[in-house]
Amino acid sequence: MAGMNTNWQRQALCKGVRSSLFFPPTTSEKKDEKERRESRAKAICGRCRVIAPCQEYALTLKEPYGIWGGMNESERNLTLARAAAS
C-alpha cells in the first residue's frame, strides 16, 4: 500500500525466521500440525515489540495468509468483521 510505513519490519522478531513457520505449506496441513506451527509463530509475535504495527499492517491490507501481529487469517477476518459491524 503506497505511503504505508513499514520501517517497523526491520525490528520484527520474525525477521530472519523461516517463513514456513508463519505461512501454511502449499500442500495440505493436518489440523494438529497447523495448531503447533501457529502456536510457535504466535509465541514469537507475543515477544515482539512491533506486534501492534504488524497487526495494523495485516488488517489494513487484509492480508489473506499467515500469522501477522499474532493473528491468523481467521482471527484477522473476525476482527475486521467485528469492526465493520460496530
PDB file of N, CA and C in Angstrom:
ATOM      1  N   MET A   1       0.852  -1.165   0.000  1.00  0.00           N
ATOM      2  CA  MET A   1       0.000   0.000   0.000  1.00  0.00           C
ATOM      3  C   MET A   1       0.901   1.232   0.000  1.00  0.00           C
ATOM      4  N   ALA A   2       0.718   2.076  -0.954  1.00  0.00           N
ATOM      5  CA  ALA A   2       1.549   3.267  -1.106  1.00  0.00           C
ATOM      6  C   ALA A   2       1.428   4.163   0.116  1.00  0.00           C
ATOM      7  N   GLY A   3       2.560   4.637   0.583  1.00  0.00           N
ATOM      8  CA  GLY A   3       2.580   5.552   1.706  1.00  0.00           C
ATOM      9  C   GLY A   3       2.510   4.896   3.072  1.00  0.00           C
ATOM     10  N   MET A   4       2.323   3.592   3.142  1.00  0.00           N
ATOM     11  CA  MET A   4       2.243   2.917   4.429  1.00  0.00           C
ATOM     12  C   MET A   4       3.653   2.714   4.980  1.00  0.00           C
ATOM     13  N   ASN A   5       3.858   3.102   6.223  1.00  0.00           N
ATOM     14  CA  ASN A   5       5.155   2.971   6.864  1.00  0.00           C
ATOM     15  C   ASN A   5       5.415   1.509   7.221  1.00  0.00           C
ATOM     16  N   THR A   6       6.504   0.966   6.720  1.00  0.00           N
ATOM     17  CA  THR A   6       6.875  -0.419   7.016  1.00  0.00           C
ATOM     18  C   THR A   6       8.234  -0.496   7.708  1.00  0.00           C
ATOM     19  N   ASN A   7       8.710   0.620   8.249  1.00  0.00           N
ATOM     20  CA  ASN A   7      10.001   0.623   8.942  1.00  0.00           C
ATOM     21  C   ASN A   7      10.026  -0.334  10.122  1.00  0.00           C
ATOM     22  N   TRP A   8       8.887  -0.584  10.729  1.00  0.00           N
ATOM     23  CA  TRP A   8       8.789  -1.492  11.863  1.00  0.00           C
ATOM     24  C   TRP A   8       9.285  -2.893  11.515  1.00  0.00           C
ATOM     25  N   GLN A   9       9.189  -3.278  10.232  1.00  0.00           N
ATOM     26  CA  GLN A   9       9.575  -4.630   9.824  1.00  0.00           C
ATOM     27  C   GLN A   9      11.036  -4.929  10.135  1.00  0.00           C
ATOM     28  N   ARG A  10      11.878  -3.909  10.148  1.00  0.00           N
ATOM     29  CA  ARG A  10      13.300  -4.120  10.449  1.00  0.00           C
ATOM     30  C   ARG A  10      13.523  -4.531  11.896  1.00  0.00           C
ATOM     31  N   GLN A  11      12.576  -4.236  12.765  1.00  0.00           N
ATOM     32  CA  GLN A  11      12.704  -4.554  14.188  1.00  0.00           C
ATOM     33  C   GLN A  11      11.930  -5.809  14.588  1.00  0.00           C
ATOM     34  N   ALA A  12      11.250  -6.411  13.653  1.00  0.00           N
ATOM     35  CA  ALA A  12      10.405  -7.566  13.954  1.00  0.00           C
ATOM     36  C   ALA A  12      11.239  -8.781  14.358  1.00  0.00           C
ATOM     37  N   LEU A  13      10.791  -9.484  15.397  1.00  0.00           N
ATOM     38  CA  LEU A  13      11.480 -10.694  15.844  1.00  0.00           C
ATOM     39  C   LEU A  13      11.436 -11.802  14.797  1.00  0.00           C
ATOM     40  N   CYS A  14      10.446 -11.770  13.936  1.00  0.00           N
ATOM     41  CA  CYS A  14      10.320 -12.820  12.921  1.00  0.00           C
ATOM     42  C   CYS A  14      11.300 -12.628  11.765  1.00  0.00           C
ATOM     43  N   LYS A  15      11.927 -11.475  11.709  1.00  0.00           N
ATOM     44  CA  LYS A  15      12.894 -11.212  10.637  1.00  0.00           C
ATOM     45  C   LYS A  15      14.013 -12.248  10.737  1.00  0.00           C
ATOM     46  N   GLY A  16      14.218 -12.964   9.672  1.00  0.00           N
ATOM     47  CA  GLY A  16      15.250 -13.989   9.649  1.00  0.00           C
ATOM     48  C   GLY A  16      14.766 -15.374  10.052  1.00  0.00           C
ATOM     49  N   VAL A  17      13.549 -15.460  10.598  1.00  0.00           N
ATOM     50  CA  VAL A  17      12.966 -16.760  10.941  1.00  0.00           C
ATOM     51  C   VAL A  17      12.366 -17.336   9.669  1.00  0.00           C
ATOM     52  N   ARG A  18      12.468 -18.641   9.499  1.00  0.00           N
ATOM     53  CA  ARG A  18      11.944 -19.249   8.269  1.00  0.00           C
ATOM     54  C   ARG A  18      10.451 -18.955   8.116  1.00  0.00           C
ATOM     55  N   SER A  19      10.075 -18.556   6.931  1.00  0.00           N
ATOM     56  CA  SER A  19       8.692 -18.142   6.666  1.00  0.00           C
ATOM     57  C   SER A  19       7.701 -19.291   6.806  1.00  0.00           C
ATOM     58  N   SER A  20       8.154 -20.520   6.677  1.00  0.00           N
ATOM     59  CA  SER A  20       7.249 -21.669   6.786  1.00  0.00           C
ATOM     60  C   SER A  20       6.629 -21.781   8.174  1.00  0.00           C
ATOM     61  N   LEU A  21       7.202 -21.097   9.158  1.00  0.00           N
ATOM     62  CA  LEU A  21       6.608 -21.085  10.488  1.00  0.00           C
ATOM     63  C   LEU A  21       5.384 -20.170  10.520  1.00  0.00           C
ATOM     64  N   PHE A  22       5.384 -19.132   9.715  1.00  0.00           N
ATOM     65  CA  PHE A  22       4.327 -18.121   9.728  1.00  0.00           C
ATOM     66  C   PHE A  22       3.288 -18.298   8.626  1.00  0.00           C
ATOM     67  N   PHE A  23       3.614 -19.092   7.620  1.00  0.00           N
ATOM     68  CA  PHE A  23       2.710 -19.280   6.485  1.00  0.00           C
ATOM     69  C   PHE A  23       2.459 -20.763   6.255  1.00  0.00           C
ATOM     70  N   PRO A  24       1.234 -21.118   5.866  1.00  0.00           N
ATOM     71  CA  PRO A  24       0.911 -22.533   5.644  1.00  0.00           C
ATOM     72  C   PRO A  24       1.664 -23.094   4.446  1.00  0.00           C
ATOM     73  N   PRO A  25       1.884 -24.401   4.466  1.00  0.00           N
ATOM     74  CA  PRO A  25       2.553 -25.025   3.320  1.00  0.00           C
ATOM     75  C   PRO A  25       1.644 -25.002   2.091  1.00  0.00           C
ATOM     76  N   THR A  26       2.241 -25.190   0.942  1.00  0.00           N
ATOM     77  CA  THR A  26       1.460 -25.211  -0.299  1.00  0.00           C
ATOM     78  C   THR A  26       0.688 -26.519  -0.438  1.00  0.00           C
ATOM     79  N   THR A  27       1.087 -27.531   0.320  1.00  0.00           N
ATOM     80  CA  THR A  27       0.355 -28.798   0.354  1.00  0.00           C
ATOM     81  C   THR A  27      -0.550 -28.783   1.585  1.00  0.00           C
ATOM     82  N   SER A  28      -1.291 -29.843   1.778  1.00  0.00           N
ATOM     83  CA  SER A  28      -2.217 -29.885   2.912  1.00  0.00           C
ATOM     84  C   SER A  28      -1.454 -29.925   4.239  1.00  0.00           C
ATOM     85  N   GLU A  29      -2.127 -29.460   5.281  1.00  0.00           N
ATOM     86  CA  GLU A  29      -1.555 -29.421   6.623  1.00  0.00           C
ATOM     87  C   GLU A  29      -2.611 -29.959   7.581  1.00  0.00           C
ATOM     88  N   LYS A  30      -2.234 -30.956   8.383  1.00  0.00           N
ATOM     89  CA  LYS A  30      -3.171 -31.511   9.354  1.00  0.00           C
ATOM     90  C   LYS A  30      -3.481 -30.469  10.424  1.00  0.00           C
ATOM     91  N   LYS A  31      -4.660 -30.590  11.008  1.00  0.00           N
ATOM     92  CA  LYS A  31      -5.115 -29.614  11.999  1.00  0.00           C
ATOM     93  C   LYS A  31      -4.121 -29.464  13.147  1.00  0.00           C
ATOM     94  N   ASP A  32      -3.637 -30.589  13.695  1.00  0.00           N
ATOM     95  CA  ASP A  32      -2.703 -30.503  14.820  1.00  0.00           C
ATOM     96  C   ASP A  32      -1.366 -29.896  14.398  1.00  0.00           C
ATOM     97  N   GLU A  33      -0.934 -30.152  13.170  1.00  0.00           N
ATOM     98  CA  GLU A  33       0.299 -29.541  12.659  1.00  0.00           C
ATOM     99  C   GLU A  33       0.126 -28.031  12.534  1.00  0.00           C
ATOM    100  N   LYS A  34      -1.031 -27.612  12.026  1.00  0.00           N
ATOM    101  CA  LYS A  34      -1.323 -26.183  11.883  1.00  0.00           C
ATOM    102  C   LYS A  34      -1.342 -25.503  13.246  1.00  0.00           C
ATOM    103  N   GLU A  35      -1.991 -26.138  14.211  1.00  0.00           N
ATOM    104  CA  GLU A  35      -2.072 -25.561  15.553  1.00  0.00           C
ATOM    105  C   GLU A  35      -0.690 -25.407  16.175  1.00  0.00           C
ATOM    106  N   ARG A  36       0.179 -26.413  16.012  1.00  0.00           N
ATOM    107  CA  ARG A  36       1.547 -26.335  16.552  1.00  0.00           C
ATOM    108  C   ARG A  36       2.348 -25.239  15.860  1.00  0.00           C
ATOM    109  N   ARG A  37       2.261 -25.183  14.532  1.00  0.00           N
ATOM    110  CA  ARG A  37       3.003 -24.178  13.769  1.00  0.00           C
ATOM    111  C   ARG A  37       2.547 -22.779  14.163  1.00  0.00           C
ATOM    112  N   GLU A  38       1.235 -22.579  14.203  1.00  0.00           N
ATOM    113  CA  GLU A  38       0.706 -21.265  14.549  1.00  0.00           C
ATOM    114  C   GLU A  38       1.049 -20.883  15.985  1.00  0.00           C
ATOM    115  N   SER A  39       1.025 -21.839  16.884  1.00  0.00           N
ATOM    116  CA  SER A  39       1.369 -21.565  18.278  1.00  0.00           C
ATOM    117  C   SER A  39       2.818 -21.102  18.402  1.00  0.00           C
ATOM    118  N   ARG A  40       3.720 -21.750  17.680  1.00  0.00           N
ATOM    119  CA  ARG A  40       5.138 -21.345  17.711  1.00  0.00           C
ATOM    120  C   ARG A  40       5.305 -19.951  17.116  1.00  0.00           C
ATOM    121  N   ALA A  41       4.622 -19.685  16.014  1.00  0.00           N
ATOM    122  CA  ALA A  41       4.711 -18.362  15.385  1.00  0.00           C
ATOM    123  C   ALA A  41       4.148 -17.288  16.312  1.00  0.00           C
ATOM    124  N   LYS A  42       3.004 -17.563  16.916  1.00  0.00           N
ATOM    125  CA  LYS A  42       2.377 -16.590  17.809  1.00  0.00           C
ATOM    126  C   LYS A  42       3.223 -16.336  19.054  1.00  0.00           C
ATOM    127  N   ALA A  43       3.976 -17.336  19.490  1.00  0.00           N
ATOM    128  CA  ALA A  43       4.877 -17.142  20.635  1.00  0.00           C
ATOM    129  C   ALA A  43       5.952 -16.119  20.291  1.00  0.00           C
ATOM    130  N   ILE A  44       6.447 -16.160  19.072  1.00  0.00           N
ATOM    131  CA  ILE A  44       7.425 -15.162  18.623  1.00  0.00           C
ATOM    132  C   ILE A  44       6.762 -13.792  18.580  1.00  0.00           C
ATOM    133  N   CYS A  45       5.576 -13.724  18.008  1.00  0.00           N
ATOM    134  CA  CYS A  45       4.837 -12.452  17.945  1.00  0.00           C
ATOM    135  C   CYS A  45       4.599 -11.889  19.344  1.00  0.00           C
ATOM    136  N   GLY A  46       4.291 -12.754  20.279  1.00  0.00           N
ATOM    137  CA  GLY A  46       3.988 -12.317  21.636  1.00  0.00           C
ATOM    138  C   GLY A  46       5.153 -11.643  22.336  1.00  0.00           C
ATOM    139  N   ARG A  47       6.358 -11.917  21.893  1.00  0.00           N
ATOM    140  CA  ARG A  47       7.557 -11.297  22.471  1.00  0.00           C
ATOM    141  C   ARG A  47       8.057 -10.120  21.644  1.00  0.00           C
ATOM    142  N   CYS A  48       7.387  -9.833  20.540  1.00  0.00           N
ATOM    143  CA  CYS A  48       7.861  -8.832  19.587  1.00  0.00           C
ATOM    144  C   CYS A  48       7.375  -7.433  19.959  1.00  0.00           C
ATOM    145  N   ARG A  49       8.280  -6.476  19.918  1.00  0.00           N
ATOM    146  CA  ARG A  49       7.910  -5.106  20.291  1.00  0.00           C
ATOM    147  C   ARG A  49       7.166  -4.365  19.183  1.00  0.00           C
ATOM    148  N   VAL A  50       7.102  -4.938  17.998  1.00  0.00           N
ATOM    149  CA  VAL A  50       6.376  -4.280  16.903  1.00  0.00           C
ATOM    150  C   VAL A  50       5.115  -5.055  16.509  1.00  0.00           C
ATOM    151  N   ILE A  51       4.547  -5.774  17.465  1.00  0.00           N
ATOM    152  CA  ILE A  51       3.343  -6.563  17.188  1.00  0.00           C
ATOM    153  C   ILE A  51       2.177  -5.666  16.754  1.00  0.00           C
ATOM    154  N   ALA A  52       2.027  -4.503  17.375  1.00  0.00           N
ATOM    155  CA  ALA A  52       0.893  -3.622  17.043  1.00  0.00           C
ATOM    156  C   ALA A  52       0.958  -3.100  15.609  1.00  0.00           C
ATOM    157  N   PRO A  53       2.086  -2.543  15.146  1.00  0.00           N
ATOM    158  CA  PRO A  53       2.106  -2.094  13.754  1.00  0.00           C
ATOM    159  C   PRO A  53       2.024  -3.252  12.759  1.00  0.00           C
ATOM    160  N   CYS A  54       2.513  -4.409  13.140  1.00  0.00           N
ATOM    161  CA  CYS A  54       2.418  -5.589  12.269  1.00  0.00           C
ATOM    162  C   CYS A  54       0.951  -5.987  12.100  1.00  0.00           C
ATOM    163  N   GLN A  55       0.241  -6.007  13.209  1.00  0.00           N
ATOM    164  CA  GLN A  55      -1.182  -6.344  13.175  1.00  0.00           C
ATOM    165  C   GLN A  55      -1.965  -5.311  12.366  1.00  0.00           C
ATOM    166  N   GLU A  56      -1.677  -4.049  12.589  1.00  0.00           N
ATOM    167  CA  GLU A  56      -2.350  -2.978  11.852  1.00  0.00           C
ATOM    168  C   GLU A  56      -2.093  -3.103  10.348  1.00  0.00           C
ATOM    169  N   TYR A  57      -0.868  -3.415   9.990  1.00  0.00           N
ATOM    170  CA  TYR A  57      -0.482  -3.600   8.588  1.00  0.00           C
ATOM    171  C   TYR A  57      -1.318  -4.714   7.954  1.00  0.00           C
ATOM    172  N   ALA A  58      -1.379  -5.865   8.631  1.00  0.00           N
ATOM    173  CA  ALA A  58      -2.112  -7.012   8.092  1.00  0.00           C
ATOM    174  C   ALA A  58      -3.607  -6.737   7.988  1.00  0.00           C
ATOM    175  N   LEU A  59      -4.157  -6.041   8.965  1.00  0.00           N
ATOM    176  CA  LEU A  59      -5.586  -5.720   8.930  1.00  0.00           C
ATOM    177  C   LEU A  59      -5.890  -4.692   7.846  1.00  0.00           C
ATOM    178  N   THR A  60      -5.029  -3.702   7.705  1.00  0.00           N
ATOM    179  CA  THR A  60      -5.236  -2.665   6.690  1.00  0.00           C
ATOM    180  C   THR A  60      -5.177  -3.249   5.287  1.00  0.00           C
ATOM    181  N   LEU A  61      -4.213  -4.138   5.068  1.00  0.00           N
ATOM    182  CA  LEU A  61      -4.054  -4.740   3.738  1.00  0.00           C
ATOM    183  C   LEU A  61      -4.953  -5.952   3.516  1.00  0.00           C
ATOM    184  N   LYS A  62      -5.668  -6.342   4.579  1.00  0.00           N
ATOM    185  CA  LYS A  62      -6.495  -7.558   4.531  1.00  0.00           C
ATOM    186  C   LYS A  62      -5.654  -8.750   4.066  1.00  0.00           C
ATOM    187  N   GLU A  63      -4.499  -8.889   4.692  1.00  0.00           N
ATOM    188  CA  GLU A  63      -3.550  -9.959   4.371  1.00  0.00           C
ATOM    189  C   GLU A  63      -4.266 -11.306   4.469  1.00  0.00           C
ATOM    190  N   PRO A  64      -4.314 -12.070   3.362  1.00  0.00           N
ATOM    191  CA  PRO A  64      -5.099 -13.302   3.356  1.00  0.00           C
ATOM    192  C   PRO A  64      -4.402 -14.532   3.947  1.00  0.00           C
ATOM    193  N   TYR A  65      -3.105 -14.477   4.159  1.00  0.00           N
ATOM    194  CA  TYR A  65      -2.380 -15.671   4.596  1.00  0.00           C
ATOM    195  C   TYR A  65      -1.414 -15.362   5.725  1.00  0.00           C
ATOM    196  N   GLY A  66      -1.179 -16.369   6.543  1.00  0.00           N
ATOM    197  CA  GLY A  66      -0.104 -16.313   7.516  1.00  0.00           C
ATOM    198  C   GLY A  66      -0.447 -15.682   8.847  1.00  0.00           C
ATOM    199  N   ILE A  67       0.543 -15.756   9.730  1.00  0.00           N
ATOM    200  CA  ILE A  67       0.460 -15.140  11.049  1.00  0.00           C
ATOM    201  C   ILE A  67       1.086 -13.758  10.943  1.00  0.00           C
ATOM    202  N   TRP A  68       0.331 -12.755  11.284  1.00  0.00           N
ATOM    203  CA  TRP A  68       0.781 -11.355  11.290  1.00  0.00           C
ATOM    204  C   TRP A  68       0.303 -10.733  12.590  1.00  0.00           C
ATOM    205  N   GLY A  69       1.188 -10.126  13.334  1.00  0.00           N
ATOM    206  CA  GLY A  69       0.776  -9.465  14.571  1.00  0.00           C
ATOM    207  C   GLY A  69       0.115 -10.408  15.555  1.00  0.00           C
ATOM    208  N   GLY A  70       0.517 -11.664  15.533  1.00  0.00           N
ATOM    209  CA  GLY A  70      -0.032 -12.650  16.453  1.00  0.00           C
ATOM    210  C   GLY A  70      -1.406 -13.175  16.084  1.00  0.00           C
ATOM    211  N   MET A  71      -1.857 -12.889  14.873  1.00  0.00           N
ATOM    212  CA  MET A  71      -3.184 -13.328  14.439  1.00  0.00           C
ATOM    213  C   MET A  71      -3.099 -14.148  13.157  1.00  0.00           C
ATOM    214  N   ASN A  72      -3.924 -15.192  13.091  1.00  0.00           N
ATOM    215  CA  ASN A  72      -4.011 -15.958  11.845  1.00  0.00           C
ATOM    216  C   ASN A  72      -5.114 -15.366  10.963  1.00  0.00           C
ATOM    217  N   GLU A  73      -5.335 -15.977   9.823  1.00  0.00           N
ATOM    218  CA  GLU A  73      -6.306 -15.461   8.856  1.00  0.00           C
ATOM    219  C   GLU A  73      -7.704 -15.345   9.454  1.00  0.00           C
ATOM    220  N   SER A  74      -8.135 -16.389  10.143  1.00  0.00           N
ATOM    221  CA  SER A  74      -9.484 -16.404  10.727  1.00  0.00           C
ATOM    222  C   SER A  74      -9.643 -15.321  11.780  1.00  0.00           C
ATOM    223  N   GLU A  75      -8.631 -15.149  12.604  1.00  0.00           N
ATOM    224  CA  GLU A  75      -8.691 -14.123  13.652  1.00  0.00           C
ATOM    225  C   GLU A  75      -8.725 -12.715  13.058  1.00  0.00           C
ATOM    226  N   ARG A  76      -7.965 -12.510  12.000  1.00  0.00           N
ATOM    227  CA  ARG A  76      -7.998 -11.198  11.335  1.00  0.00           C
ATOM    228  C   ARG A  76      -9.358 -10.949  10.700  1.00  0.00           C
ATOM    229  N   ASN A  77      -9.905 -11.961  10.033  1.00  0.00           N
ATOM    230  CA  ASN A  77     -11.226 -11.809   9.406  1.00  0.00           C
ATOM    231  C   ASN A  77     -12.299 -11.504  10.448  1.00  0.00           C
ATOM    232  N   LEU A  78     -12.235 -12.158  11.593  1.00  0.00           N
ATOM    233  CA  LEU A  78     -13.188 -11.915  12.671  1.00  0.00           C
ATOM    234  C   LEU A  78     -13.038 -10.491  13.209  1.00  0.00           C
ATOM    235  N   THR A  79     -11.809 -10.043  13.389  1.00  0.00           N
ATOM    236  CA  THR A  79     -11.551  -8.679  13.859  1.00  0.00           C
ATOM    237  C   THR A  79     -12.109  -7.659  12.878  1.00  0.00           C
ATOM    238  N   LEU A  80     -11.886  -7.885  11.593  1.00  0.00           N
ATOM    239  CA  LEU A  80     -12.398  -6.967  10.571  1.00  0.00           C
ATOM    240  C   LEU A  80     -13.926  -6.972  10.524  1.00  0.00           C
ATOM    241  N   ALA A  81     -14.525  -8.147  10.665  1.00  0.00           N
ATOM    242  CA  ALA A  81     -15.990  -8.246  10.651  1.00  0.00           C
ATOM    243  C   ALA A  81     -16.593  -7.528  11.852  1.00  0.00           C
ATOM    244  N   ARG A  82     -15.975  -7.689  13.013  1.00  0.00           N
ATOM    245  CA  ARG A  82     -16.468  -7.011  14.221  1.00  0.00           C
ATOM    246  C   ARG A  82     -16.346  -5.500  14.075  1.00  0.00           C
ATOM    247  N   ALA A  83     -15.238  -5.052  13.513  1.00  0.00           N
ATOM    248  CA  ALA A  83     -15.034  -3.610  13.315  1.00  0.00           C
ATOM    249  C   ALA A  83     -16.070  -3.050  12.345  1.00  0.00           C
ATOM    250  N   ALA A  84     -16.387  -3.813  11.314  1.00  0.00           N
ATOM    251  CA  ALA A  84     -17.368  -3.363  10.325  1.00  0.00           C
ATOM    252  C   ALA A  84     -18.774  -3.318  10.920  1.00  0.00           C
ATOM    253  N   ALA A  85     -19.050  -4.217  11.866  1.00  0.00           N
ATOM    254  CA  ALA A  85     -20.376  -4.289  12.475  1.00  0.00           C
ATOM    255  C   ALA A  85     -20.602  -3.217  13.535  1.00  0.00           C
ATOM    256  N   SER A  86     -19.524  -2.642  14.035  1.00  0.00           N
ATOM    257  CA  SER A  86     -19.691  -1.642  15.110  1.00  0.00           C
ATOM    258  C   SER A  86     -19.767  -0.227  14.594  1.00  0.00           C
TER     259      SER A  86
END
